[in-house]
Amino acid sequence: RLLFTLGMIAVYRVGIFVTTPGVDRGVMRQIVRTEGNSFLGMFNLFSGGAFEQLSIFALNIMPYVSASIILSLMGIVIKPIEELRKEGEAGQRKLNQWTRYGTILLSIVQGLGIAMYLEGLNESSPYGDVVVHPGWFFRFMTVLSLTTGTAFLMWLGEQITERGLGNGISIIIFAGIAAGLPNAIGGLLELVRTG
């Protein structure tokens, strides 16, 4: 079980370096490092460096977490969802399916937002163009890549839960944050050194 979990984490970490089509990750890396203390830097930290690489895993597992939270909150307000929770395993399977659908929907919306954000960076970036050929084809490919990456991570998390150690989604989130810790500690030490 431990080896399986470590293997799945390795697959996740290798996937961080698969770049979304049509972008220049060198330019994006410079932008993220320049704005490291902003929201962009925080987003990059939680994605395990995937946003800096403009990876297919740039959204990480956050759409899944968001969909799960939304469904939980809807369970308080909408009675049929609350009744599904009480049905046991069959109800939980149905809720898990709805969470997956919500994850895909959120990934599509967030992927489109990121594609448009990246196109906007072309105008303001002093380092060059982030997007090589902006337009609807780029947006479509970005949404497709990011949604597929999130769906793969969701599947990977479920496999870790079933065959590995612990909650797979939590392990993927932890692996992303832990991957950024050495750089964060190095940055902190540099700030302390320079006063």
Protein backbone atom coordinates (compact mmCIF):
# COMPACT_ATOMS: atom_id res chain seq x y z
CA ARG A 1 0.00 0.00 0.00
CA LEU A 2 2.82 2.39 0.85
CA LEU A 3 4.63 1.69 -2.44
CA PHE A 4 1.40 2.18 -4.40
CA THR A 5 0.81 5.53 -2.68
CA LEU A 6 4.38 6.67 -3.34
CA GLY A 7 4.07 5.56 -6.97
CA MET A 8 0.88 7.57 -7.45
CA ILE A 9 2.52 10.62 -5.86
CA ALA A 10 5.42 10.16 -8.29
CA VAL A 11 2.97 10.09 -11.23
CA TYR A 12 1.42 13.30 -9.89
CA ARG A 13 4.81 15.01 -9.55
CA VAL A 14 5.90 13.98 -13.06
CA GLY A 15 2.60 15.32 -14.44
CA ILE A 16 3.43 18.73 -13.00
CA PHE A 17 5.97 19.13 -15.81
CA VAL A 18 3.53 18.36 -18.67
CA THR A 19 2.85 21.84 -20.03
CA THR A 20 -0.51 23.01 -21.33
CA PRO A 21 -0.32 23.41 -25.14
CA GLY A 22 0.37 26.84 -26.55
CA VAL A 23 2.10 28.51 -23.59
CA ASP A 24 5.64 29.55 -22.76
CA ARG A 25 6.32 28.26 -19.25
CA GLY A 26 9.65 30.11 -19.05
CA VAL A 27 7.84 33.45 -19.27
CA MET A 28 5.23 32.29 -16.77
CA ARG A 29 7.92 31.13 -14.34
CA GLN A 30 9.43 34.63 -14.38
CA ILE A 31 6.02 36.24 -13.81
CA VAL A 32 5.21 33.95 -10.86
CA ARG A 33 8.63 34.54 -9.28
CA THR A 34 8.22 38.31 -9.66
CA GLU A 35 4.79 38.22 -8.00
CA GLY A 36 5.63 35.44 -5.53
CA ASN A 37 4.04 37.13 -2.51
CA SER A 38 0.73 37.82 -4.25
CA PHE A 39 -2.34 35.66 -4.83
CA LEU A 40 -0.55 34.18 -7.83
CA GLY A 41 2.26 32.90 -5.60
CA MET A 42 -0.24 31.40 -3.14
CA PHE A 43 -2.13 29.70 -5.96
CA ASN A 44 1.16 28.30 -7.25
CA LEU A 45 2.03 27.00 -3.76
CA PHE A 46 -1.24 25.08 -3.43
CA SER A 47 -0.86 23.66 -6.92
CA GLY A 48 2.58 22.29 -6.01
CA GLY A 49 4.31 24.50 -8.57
CA ALA A 50 1.99 23.39 -11.37
CA PHE A 51 0.76 26.91 -12.11
CA GLU A 52 4.31 28.19 -12.49
CA GLN A 53 4.93 25.37 -14.99
CA LEU A 54 1.56 26.00 -16.68
CA SER A 55 0.98 22.30 -16.21
CA ILE A 56 -2.10 20.29 -17.10
CA PHE A 57 -2.40 19.93 -13.29
CA ALA A 58 -2.45 23.72 -12.72
CA LEU A 59 -5.97 23.57 -11.22
CA ASN A 60 -4.80 20.70 -9.02
CA ILE A 61 -7.61 19.04 -7.09
CA MET A 62 -9.19 22.33 -5.98
CA PRO A 63 -12.27 22.07 -8.26
CA TYR A 64 -13.02 18.72 -6.59
CA VAL A 65 -12.67 20.23 -3.12
CA SER A 66 -14.88 23.16 -4.14
CA ALA A 67 -17.54 20.88 -5.64
CA SER A 68 -17.52 18.77 -2.50
CA ILE A 69 -17.96 21.83 -0.27
CA ILE A 70 -20.73 23.22 -2.49
CA LEU A 71 -22.59 19.90 -2.38
CA SER A 72 -22.21 19.72 1.41
CA LEU A 73 -23.61 23.22 1.80
CA MET A 74 -26.44 22.46 -0.60
CA GLY A 75 -27.29 19.46 1.60
CA ILE A 76 -28.23 21.86 4.38
CA VAL A 77 -30.63 23.81 2.16
CA ILE A 78 -31.96 21.21 -0.29
CA LYS A 79 -33.83 18.31 1.33
CA PRO A 80 -33.30 15.64 -1.40
CA ILE A 81 -29.52 15.98 -0.99
CA GLU A 82 -29.84 15.63 2.77
CA GLU A 83 -32.02 12.52 2.29
CA LEU A 84 -29.38 10.99 -0.01
CA ARG A 85 -26.84 11.30 2.81
CA LYS A 86 -29.14 9.29 5.05
CA GLU A 87 -29.58 6.47 2.49
CA GLY A 88 -26.18 5.00 3.28
CA GLU A 89 -23.81 3.63 0.67
CA ALA A 90 -26.17 3.99 -2.31
CA GLY A 91 -26.85 7.63 -1.46
CA GLN A 92 -23.16 8.30 -0.95
CA ARG A 93 -22.37 6.82 -4.38
CA LYS A 94 -24.92 9.17 -5.95
CA LEU A 95 -23.46 12.17 -4.09
CA ASN A 96 -19.94 11.17 -5.19
CA GLN A 97 -21.17 11.07 -8.80
CA TRP A 98 -22.68 14.56 -8.45
CA THR A 99 -19.40 15.77 -6.94
CA ARG A 100 -17.54 14.45 -9.97
CA TYR A 101 -19.92 16.25 -12.34
CA GLY A 102 -19.53 19.45 -10.31
CA THR A 103 -15.75 19.04 -10.48
CA ILE A 104 -15.82 18.86 -14.27
CA LEU A 105 -18.13 21.88 -14.50
CA LEU A 106 -15.93 23.95 -12.17
CA SER A 107 -12.81 22.85 -14.06
CA ILE A 108 -14.30 24.06 -17.33
CA VAL A 109 -15.21 27.45 -15.86
CA GLN A 110 -11.86 27.86 -14.07
CA GLY A 111 -9.94 26.63 -17.13
CA LEU A 112 -11.60 29.26 -19.31
CA GLY A 113 -10.79 31.90 -16.70
CA ILE A 114 -7.14 30.86 -16.61
CA ALA A 115 -6.94 30.83 -20.43
CA MET A 116 -8.29 34.37 -20.60
CA TYR A 117 -6.00 35.46 -17.76
CA LEU A 118 -2.97 34.05 -19.58
CA GLU A 119 -3.97 35.86 -22.77
CA GLY A 120 -4.25 39.07 -20.75
CA LEU A 121 -0.72 38.56 -19.46
CA ASN A 122 0.56 38.93 -23.04
CA GLU A 123 -0.27 42.65 -22.87
CA SER A 124 1.25 43.33 -19.44
CA SER A 125 4.21 40.96 -19.26
CA PRO A 126 7.65 42.58 -19.53
CA TYR A 127 9.17 39.12 -20.15
CA GLY A 128 7.42 38.30 -23.42
CA ASP A 129 4.23 36.56 -24.49
CA VAL A 130 2.89 33.82 -22.24
CA VAL A 131 0.48 32.59 -24.92
CA VAL A 132 2.05 31.87 -28.28
CA HIS A 133 -1.16 32.02 -30.39
CA PRO A 134 -4.08 33.55 -28.43
CA GLY A 135 -7.64 32.91 -29.54
CA TRP A 136 -10.49 30.44 -29.21
CA PHE A 137 -8.41 27.43 -30.18
CA PHE A 138 -5.97 28.20 -27.36
CA ARG A 139 -8.85 28.67 -24.91
CA PHE A 140 -10.42 25.37 -25.98
CA MET A 141 -7.13 23.48 -25.64
CA THR A 142 -6.44 25.05 -22.24
CA VAL A 143 -9.90 24.18 -20.92
CA LEU A 144 -9.58 20.64 -22.29
CA SER A 145 -6.08 20.16 -20.84
CA LEU A 146 -6.88 21.57 -17.40
CA THR A 147 -10.20 19.73 -17.12
CA THR A 148 -8.56 16.46 -18.16
CA GLY A 149 -5.73 17.06 -15.69
CA THR A 150 -8.16 17.68 -12.84
CA ALA A 151 -10.23 14.60 -13.78
CA PHE A 152 -7.04 12.51 -13.81
CA LEU A 153 -6.03 13.82 -10.38
CA MET A 154 -9.52 13.06 -9.07
CA TRP A 155 -9.16 9.49 -10.38
CA LEU A 156 -5.64 9.26 -8.93
CA GLY A 157 -6.95 10.36 -5.53
CA GLU A 158 -9.69 7.74 -5.64
CA GLN A 159 -7.12 5.05 -6.51
CA ILE A 160 -4.95 6.09 -3.56
CA THR A 161 -7.98 5.95 -1.27
CA GLU A 162 -8.92 2.45 -2.49
CA ARG A 163 -5.47 0.84 -2.84
CA GLY A 164 -3.07 3.08 -0.94
CA LEU A 165 -2.76 4.72 2.42
CA GLY A 166 -5.26 7.30 3.66
CA ASN A 167 -7.47 9.75 1.84
CA GLY A 168 -6.09 10.15 -1.69
CA ILE A 169 -7.35 13.69 -2.23
CA SER A 170 -5.73 14.86 1.01
CA ILE A 171 -2.47 13.14 0.07
CA ILE A 172 -2.41 14.90 -3.32
CA ILE A 173 -3.03 18.26 -1.65
CA PHE A 174 -0.29 17.53 0.90
CA ALA A 175 2.15 16.41 -1.80
CA GLY A 176 1.60 19.67 -3.69
CA ILE A 177 2.18 21.82 -0.64
CA ALA A 178 5.14 19.75 0.59
CA ALA A 179 6.82 20.08 -2.84
CA GLY A 180 6.84 23.87 -2.43
CA LEU A 181 8.16 23.87 1.14
CA PRO A 182 11.90 23.79 0.34
CA ASN A 183 11.59 26.90 -1.85
CA ALA A 184 9.40 28.61 0.75
CA ILE A 185 11.88 27.88 3.54
CA GLY A 186 14.76 29.06 1.34
CA GLY A 187 12.88 32.28 0.59
CA LEU A 188 12.17 32.82 4.28
CA LEU A 189 15.82 32.30 5.20
CA GLU A 190 16.85 34.76 2.48
CA LEU A 191 14.40 37.35 3.83
CA VAL A 192 15.77 36.85 7.36
CA ARG A 193 19.36 37.12 6.09
CA THR A 194 18.69 40.38 4.25
CA GLY A 195 16.78 41.84 7.17
